[in-house]
Amino acid sequence: MHEAEAAFWLDRDEASGANERIRRNIAKARVTTGPYRERMRTVRDGEALPGVSAVLLAGHTPGHTGWLIQSRGERLLIWGDLVHLASIQVPRPDAALVFDVDPQAACVTRRRMFDRAAADKLKVAGAHLDFPGFGAIVRKRTGFAFEPDV
């Protein structure tokens, strides 16, 4: 778990949450991670294991993390909840939604990662993408498009 994520959800009192949804989720995070807390470890940006690097994607949550997997010259960025509604947020990465703890940061992160994925020709995977959920981000006019692997 990224150290920023642990600090936000696990290392503070739930009363410090900015709203009821965050306060509830702080409490839930404590309960659901309780049995594993002694075995959990935090990471920073960079290589966490050989060929597997943590990439901070702050916005959805303060420590939302993508994982860049590299092997034999191929790279895959697994980005989790970087997008929620692909049909809207891929072509318009500045479209914010209420599902993000910091919607403005999420938009900045999304645009930055789409720029990187398109420029570096990264394969991408994540929740909320069109079937099959693996593919590439390409530049389209003023935005981007997701081209699924087939």
Protein backbone atom coordinates (compact mmCIF):
# COMPACT_ATOMS: atom_id res chain seq x y z
CA MET A 1 0.00 0.00 0.00
CA HIS A 2 1.34 3.44 -0.83
CA GLU A 3 2.45 5.27 2.31
CA ALA A 4 0.16 8.22 1.45
CA GLU A 5 -2.83 5.85 1.30
CA ALA A 6 -1.99 4.29 4.65
CA ALA A 7 -1.58 7.72 6.23
CA PHE A 8 -4.96 8.89 4.92
CA TRP A 9 -7.06 5.81 5.72
CA LEU A 10 -5.27 3.99 8.52
CA ASP A 11 -3.06 6.38 10.46
CA ARG A 12 -5.63 8.92 11.67
CA ASP A 13 -8.83 9.22 13.63
CA GLU A 14 -12.04 8.83 11.64
CA ALA A 15 -13.40 12.09 13.09
CA SER A 16 -10.75 13.93 11.06
CA GLY A 17 -12.46 12.97 7.80
CA ALA A 18 -13.69 15.91 5.71
CA ASN A 19 -17.17 14.46 5.21
CA GLU A 20 -19.38 11.57 6.30
CA ARG A 21 -18.38 9.33 3.36
CA ILE A 22 -14.68 9.68 4.19
CA ARG A 23 -15.29 9.18 7.92
CA ARG A 24 -17.23 5.96 7.19
CA ASN A 25 -14.49 4.71 4.88
CA ILE A 26 -11.75 5.43 7.42
CA ALA A 27 -13.66 3.23 9.88
CA LYS A 28 -14.21 0.52 7.23
CA ALA A 29 -10.54 0.56 6.25
CA ARG A 30 -9.51 -0.08 9.82
CA VAL A 31 -11.88 -3.04 10.13
CA THR A 32 -11.10 -4.64 6.77
CA THR A 33 -7.33 -4.31 7.10
CA GLY A 34 -7.23 -5.22 10.78
CA PRO A 35 -6.35 -8.90 10.32
CA TYR A 36 -3.51 -7.98 7.92
CA ARG A 37 -2.05 -4.86 9.53
CA GLU A 38 0.98 -6.62 10.97
CA ARG A 39 1.85 -8.04 7.53
CA MET A 40 1.10 -4.95 5.47
CA ARG A 41 3.95 -2.85 4.20
CA THR A 42 3.96 0.57 2.66
CA VAL A 43 5.77 1.65 -0.47
CA ARG A 44 6.77 4.92 -2.08
CA ASP A 45 6.91 5.66 -5.78
CA GLY A 46 9.37 3.42 -7.54
CA GLU A 47 10.29 -0.22 -7.69
CA ALA A 48 8.52 -2.26 -5.01
CA LEU A 49 9.60 -5.64 -6.40
CA PRO A 50 11.82 -6.48 -9.35
CA GLY A 51 9.90 -5.36 -12.44
CA VAL A 52 6.97 -3.94 -10.43
CA SER A 53 6.89 -0.21 -9.64
CA ALA A 54 4.40 1.81 -7.63
CA VAL A 55 3.12 4.94 -9.40
CA LEU A 56 1.31 7.47 -7.21
CA LEU A 57 -2.00 8.45 -8.90
CA ALA A 58 -3.37 10.81 -6.24
CA GLY A 59 -6.89 12.12 -6.62
CA HIS A 60 -9.29 9.21 -6.37
CA THR A 61 -7.71 8.86 -2.96
CA PRO A 62 -4.57 10.63 -1.68
CA GLY A 63 -2.48 7.49 -2.08
CA HIS A 64 -4.25 5.84 -5.03
CA THR A 65 -1.56 3.77 -6.68
CA GLY A 66 -1.00 2.32 -10.11
CA TRP A 67 1.39 -0.50 -10.75
CA LEU A 68 3.80 -0.50 -13.69
CA ILE A 69 4.83 -4.03 -14.57
CA GLN A 70 7.82 -4.48 -16.85
CA SER A 71 9.14 -7.69 -18.35
CA ARG A 72 11.13 -8.48 -21.48
CA GLY A 73 10.70 -4.98 -22.89
CA GLU A 74 6.92 -4.92 -22.41
CA ARG A 75 5.17 -2.58 -19.97
CA LEU A 76 1.69 -2.62 -18.48
CA LEU A 77 0.28 0.13 -16.26
CA ILE A 78 -2.53 -1.13 -14.04
CA TRP A 79 -4.23 2.06 -12.92
CA GLY A 80 -7.18 0.95 -10.78
CA ASP A 81 -9.75 3.75 -10.48
CA LEU A 82 -7.98 6.43 -12.53
CA VAL A 83 -11.23 6.62 -14.53
CA HIS A 84 -14.78 5.82 -13.42
CA LEU A 85 -16.75 6.44 -16.62
CA ALA A 86 -14.41 5.66 -19.51
CA SER A 87 -16.81 6.90 -22.18
CA ILE A 88 -16.68 10.38 -20.60
CA GLN A 89 -13.33 10.65 -18.82
CA VAL A 90 -11.06 9.16 -21.48
CA PRO A 91 -11.96 11.69 -24.18
CA ARG A 92 -12.28 14.42 -21.52
CA PRO A 93 -9.81 13.70 -18.69
CA ASP A 94 -10.77 16.97 -17.00
CA ALA A 95 -14.28 15.65 -16.26
CA ALA A 96 -14.50 15.25 -12.49
CA LEU A 97 -16.81 12.95 -10.56
CA VAL A 98 -17.93 12.74 -6.93
CA PHE A 99 -16.23 9.35 -6.48
CA ASP A 100 -12.85 11.05 -6.04
CA VAL A 101 -11.65 12.37 -2.68
CA ASP A 102 -9.94 15.25 -4.54
CA PRO A 103 -11.63 15.67 -7.93
CA GLN A 104 -9.27 18.43 -9.11
CA ALA A 105 -6.17 16.34 -8.32
CA ALA A 106 -7.80 13.34 -10.02
CA CYS A 107 -8.24 15.35 -13.23
CA VAL A 108 -4.62 16.54 -13.17
CA THR A 109 -3.37 13.00 -12.51
CA ARG A 110 -5.60 11.51 -15.23
CA ARG A 111 -4.35 13.96 -17.88
CA ARG A 112 -0.72 13.43 -16.83
CA MET A 113 -1.04 9.65 -16.97
CA PHE A 114 -2.91 9.71 -20.30
CA ASP A 115 -0.10 11.89 -21.72
CA ARG A 116 2.47 9.43 -20.42
CA ALA A 117 0.60 6.33 -21.59
CA ALA A 118 0.15 7.76 -25.10
CA ALA A 119 3.73 9.08 -25.39
CA ASP A 120 5.36 5.93 -23.99
CA LYS A 121 2.92 3.56 -25.77
CA LEU A 122 2.11 1.82 -22.50
CA LYS A 123 -0.40 -0.99 -22.35
CA VAL A 124 -2.97 -0.04 -19.73
CA ALA A 125 -5.48 -1.90 -17.60
CA GLY A 126 -7.88 -0.79 -14.94
CA ALA A 127 -11.35 -0.83 -13.57
CA HIS A 128 -14.18 0.74 -15.57
CA LEU A 129 -12.60 0.35 -19.02
CA ASP A 130 -14.38 -0.99 -22.06
CA PHE A 131 -14.11 -4.74 -22.60
CA PRO A 132 -11.62 -6.38 -22.40
CA GLY A 133 -10.14 -3.82 -19.99
CA PHE A 134 -6.65 -4.02 -21.50
CA GLY A 135 -5.50 -1.72 -24.26
CA ALA A 136 -3.82 1.57 -25.07
CA ILE A 137 -4.50 5.27 -24.66
CA VAL A 138 -4.06 7.28 -27.85
CA ARG A 139 -4.36 10.99 -28.53
CA LYS A 140 -7.56 12.10 -30.29
CA ARG A 141 -8.06 15.77 -31.20
CA THR A 142 -8.04 17.62 -27.88
CA GLY A 143 -8.48 14.50 -25.74
CA PHE A 144 -7.74 10.81 -25.77
CA ALA A 145 -9.27 7.49 -26.73
CA PHE A 146 -9.00 3.99 -25.31
CA GLU A 147 -8.19 1.32 -27.91
CA PRO A 148 -8.91 -2.10 -26.38
CA ASP A 149 -6.72 -5.07 -27.16
CA VAL A 150 -8.60 -7.60 -29.21
